[in-house]
Every structure is written in C-alpha cells, then in structure tokens.
Amino acid sequence: MGKRKRYTAEEKVKILRDVLEDGKSISLVAEQYGIHPNNILTWRKQLFEGGVQTFQIKRTDISGKAEERKITSLEDKITQKDEVIAELAEELLALKKKNCGLR
C-alpha cells in the first residue's frame, strides 16, 4: 500500500481553478491529477464555506480606535459627573454650616 499524496493549499486552489475558472469537468480534472472526484467536491465545499471569512472586515485598527474614542468619551462623562457631585457636596456643606448657627 502506497502513501497518500498530501496536497498543499496552493495545489488545491490550482486544481479548483481548473474546475471553476476554466470550466473543466470534475471528472476530467480528477483524472488529470490522479485524485478522486470526491476530493475536489470536498475542497470546493471548504472553499465556499471559508469564503465568507475572506469577505468579512477584519480591521482591528478601526475597531480599536472606535473603542478608544468610546472609552475617552465615557471617561470625560465620569469626570463631569464627579465635578457636579463635588460642587453639590460643597453647597450642601455650606448650607449645613449656615443652618447650624440658626438653631
């Protein structure tokens, strides 16, 4: 029993191109390369299932920048709220001191 031939990704793409781009039949290409037609069908299925990932946007630089802007915006809001709370606390303390003398 001989060893099985392992095909690289480049070889699989070349074989699939013969079928998909050049319009050759699967059986003809399988015979030409000495492989079973089911292999070509399996590779074609894998190509189309994995094709979705090829067209998805994977720009981490954009999403990272957007996330940084969001974090900065939220930090600014927290700072503003802290300032308002400090102002209100000062006013409350002043009112308490003022009212303590009235009793």
Protein backbone atom coordinates (compact mmCIF):
# COMPACT_ATOMS: atom_id res chain seq x y z
CA MET A 1 0.00 0.00 0.00
CA GLY A 2 1.45 3.37 -1.04
CA LYS A 3 1.45 6.61 0.85
CA ARG A 4 -1.30 9.10 0.21
CA LYS A 5 -0.38 12.27 -1.59
CA ARG A 6 -0.92 15.36 0.53
CA TYR A 7 -1.91 18.48 -1.39
CA THR A 8 -0.88 21.93 -0.26
CA ALA A 9 -3.37 24.76 -0.19
CA GLU A 10 -1.78 26.18 -3.35
CA GLU A 11 -2.17 22.87 -5.18
CA LYS A 12 -5.82 22.59 -4.12
CA VAL A 13 -6.53 26.12 -5.36
CA LYS A 14 -4.84 25.33 -8.68
CA ILE A 15 -6.97 22.20 -9.09
CA LEU A 16 -10.15 24.09 -8.13
CA ARG A 17 -9.28 26.85 -10.61
CA ASP A 18 -9.21 24.29 -13.38
CA VAL A 19 -12.77 23.35 -12.47
CA LEU A 20 -14.23 26.73 -11.51
CA GLU A 21 -12.49 29.18 -13.83
CA ASP A 22 -11.53 27.07 -16.81
CA GLY A 23 -14.83 25.17 -16.81
CA LYS A 24 -13.25 21.72 -16.96
CA SER A 25 -15.34 18.85 -15.63
CA ILE A 26 -14.57 17.50 -12.19
CA SER A 27 -14.02 14.00 -13.53
CA LEU A 28 -11.57 15.27 -16.17
CA VAL A 29 -9.56 17.27 -13.62
CA ALA A 30 -9.62 14.38 -11.15
CA GLU A 31 -8.26 12.05 -13.81
CA GLN A 32 -5.65 14.61 -14.87
CA TYR A 33 -4.28 14.94 -11.31
CA GLY A 34 -4.88 11.34 -10.30
CA ILE A 35 -7.26 12.10 -7.46
CA HIS A 36 -10.78 11.02 -6.57
CA PRO A 37 -13.55 13.42 -7.69
CA ASN A 38 -14.94 13.47 -4.14
CA ASN A 39 -11.73 15.23 -3.03
CA ILE A 40 -12.39 18.05 -5.47
CA LEU A 41 -16.02 18.30 -4.32
CA THR A 42 -14.89 18.42 -0.69
CA TRP A 43 -12.29 21.10 -1.40
CA ARG A 44 -14.85 23.16 -3.33
CA LYS A 45 -17.26 22.93 -0.38
CA GLN A 46 -14.48 24.01 2.03
CA LEU A 47 -13.58 26.90 -0.26
CA PHE A 48 -17.12 28.27 -0.36
CA GLU A 49 -17.72 27.74 3.36
CA GLY A 50 -14.48 29.53 4.20
CA GLY A 51 -15.13 32.23 1.61
CA VAL A 52 -17.42 34.14 3.98
CA GLN A 53 -14.47 34.81 6.28
CA THR A 54 -12.50 36.19 3.36
CA PHE A 55 -15.03 38.95 2.79
CA GLN A 56 -15.58 39.88 6.43
CA ILE A 57 -13.94 43.09 7.58
CA LYS A 58 -11.09 42.34 9.94
CA ARG A 59 -9.75 45.83 10.55
CA THR A 60 -8.75 45.77 14.18
CA ASP A 61 -7.17 49.20 13.80
CA ILE A 62 -10.57 50.74 13.07
CA SER A 63 -12.44 48.90 15.80
CA GLY A 64 -9.61 49.61 18.23
CA LYS A 65 -9.73 53.34 17.51
CA ALA A 66 -13.52 53.37 17.87
CA GLU A 67 -13.21 51.61 21.20
CA GLU A 68 -10.58 54.10 22.38
CA ARG A 69 -12.86 57.02 21.42
CA LYS A 70 -15.74 55.44 23.31
CA ILE A 71 -13.59 54.93 26.41
CA THR A 72 -12.34 58.53 26.25
CA SER A 73 -15.91 59.78 25.91
CA LEU A 74 -17.07 57.75 28.89
CA GLU A 75 -14.11 58.91 30.99
CA ASP A 76 -15.00 62.54 30.16
CA LYS A 77 -18.59 61.96 31.27
CA ILE A 78 -17.41 60.45 34.56
CA THR A 79 -15.12 63.45 35.14
CA GLN A 80 -18.02 65.87 34.51
CA LYS A 81 -20.26 63.95 36.90
CA ASP A 82 -17.55 63.93 39.57
CA GLU A 83 -17.23 67.71 39.23
CA VAL A 84 -21.00 68.18 39.60
CA ILE A 85 -21.07 65.90 42.66
CA ALA A 86 -18.18 67.83 44.24
CA GLU A 87 -19.99 71.12 43.58
CA LEU A 88 -23.22 69.82 45.13
CA ALA A 89 -21.34 68.44 48.13
CA GLU A 90 -19.73 71.87 48.69
CA GLU A 91 -23.12 73.59 48.51
CA LEU A 92 -24.61 71.07 50.91
CA LEU A 93 -21.78 71.54 53.39
CA ALA A 94 -22.12 75.34 53.18
CA LEU A 95 -25.88 75.08 53.78
CA LYS A 96 -25.36 72.78 56.76
CA LYS A 97 -22.86 75.20 58.31
CA LYS A 98 -25.22 78.09 57.70
CA ASN A 99 -28.20 76.25 59.19
CA CYS A 100 -26.30 75.02 62.25
CA GLY A 101 -25.99 78.61 63.51
CA LEU A 102 -29.78 79.11 63.31
CA ARG A 103 -30.75 76.51 65.90
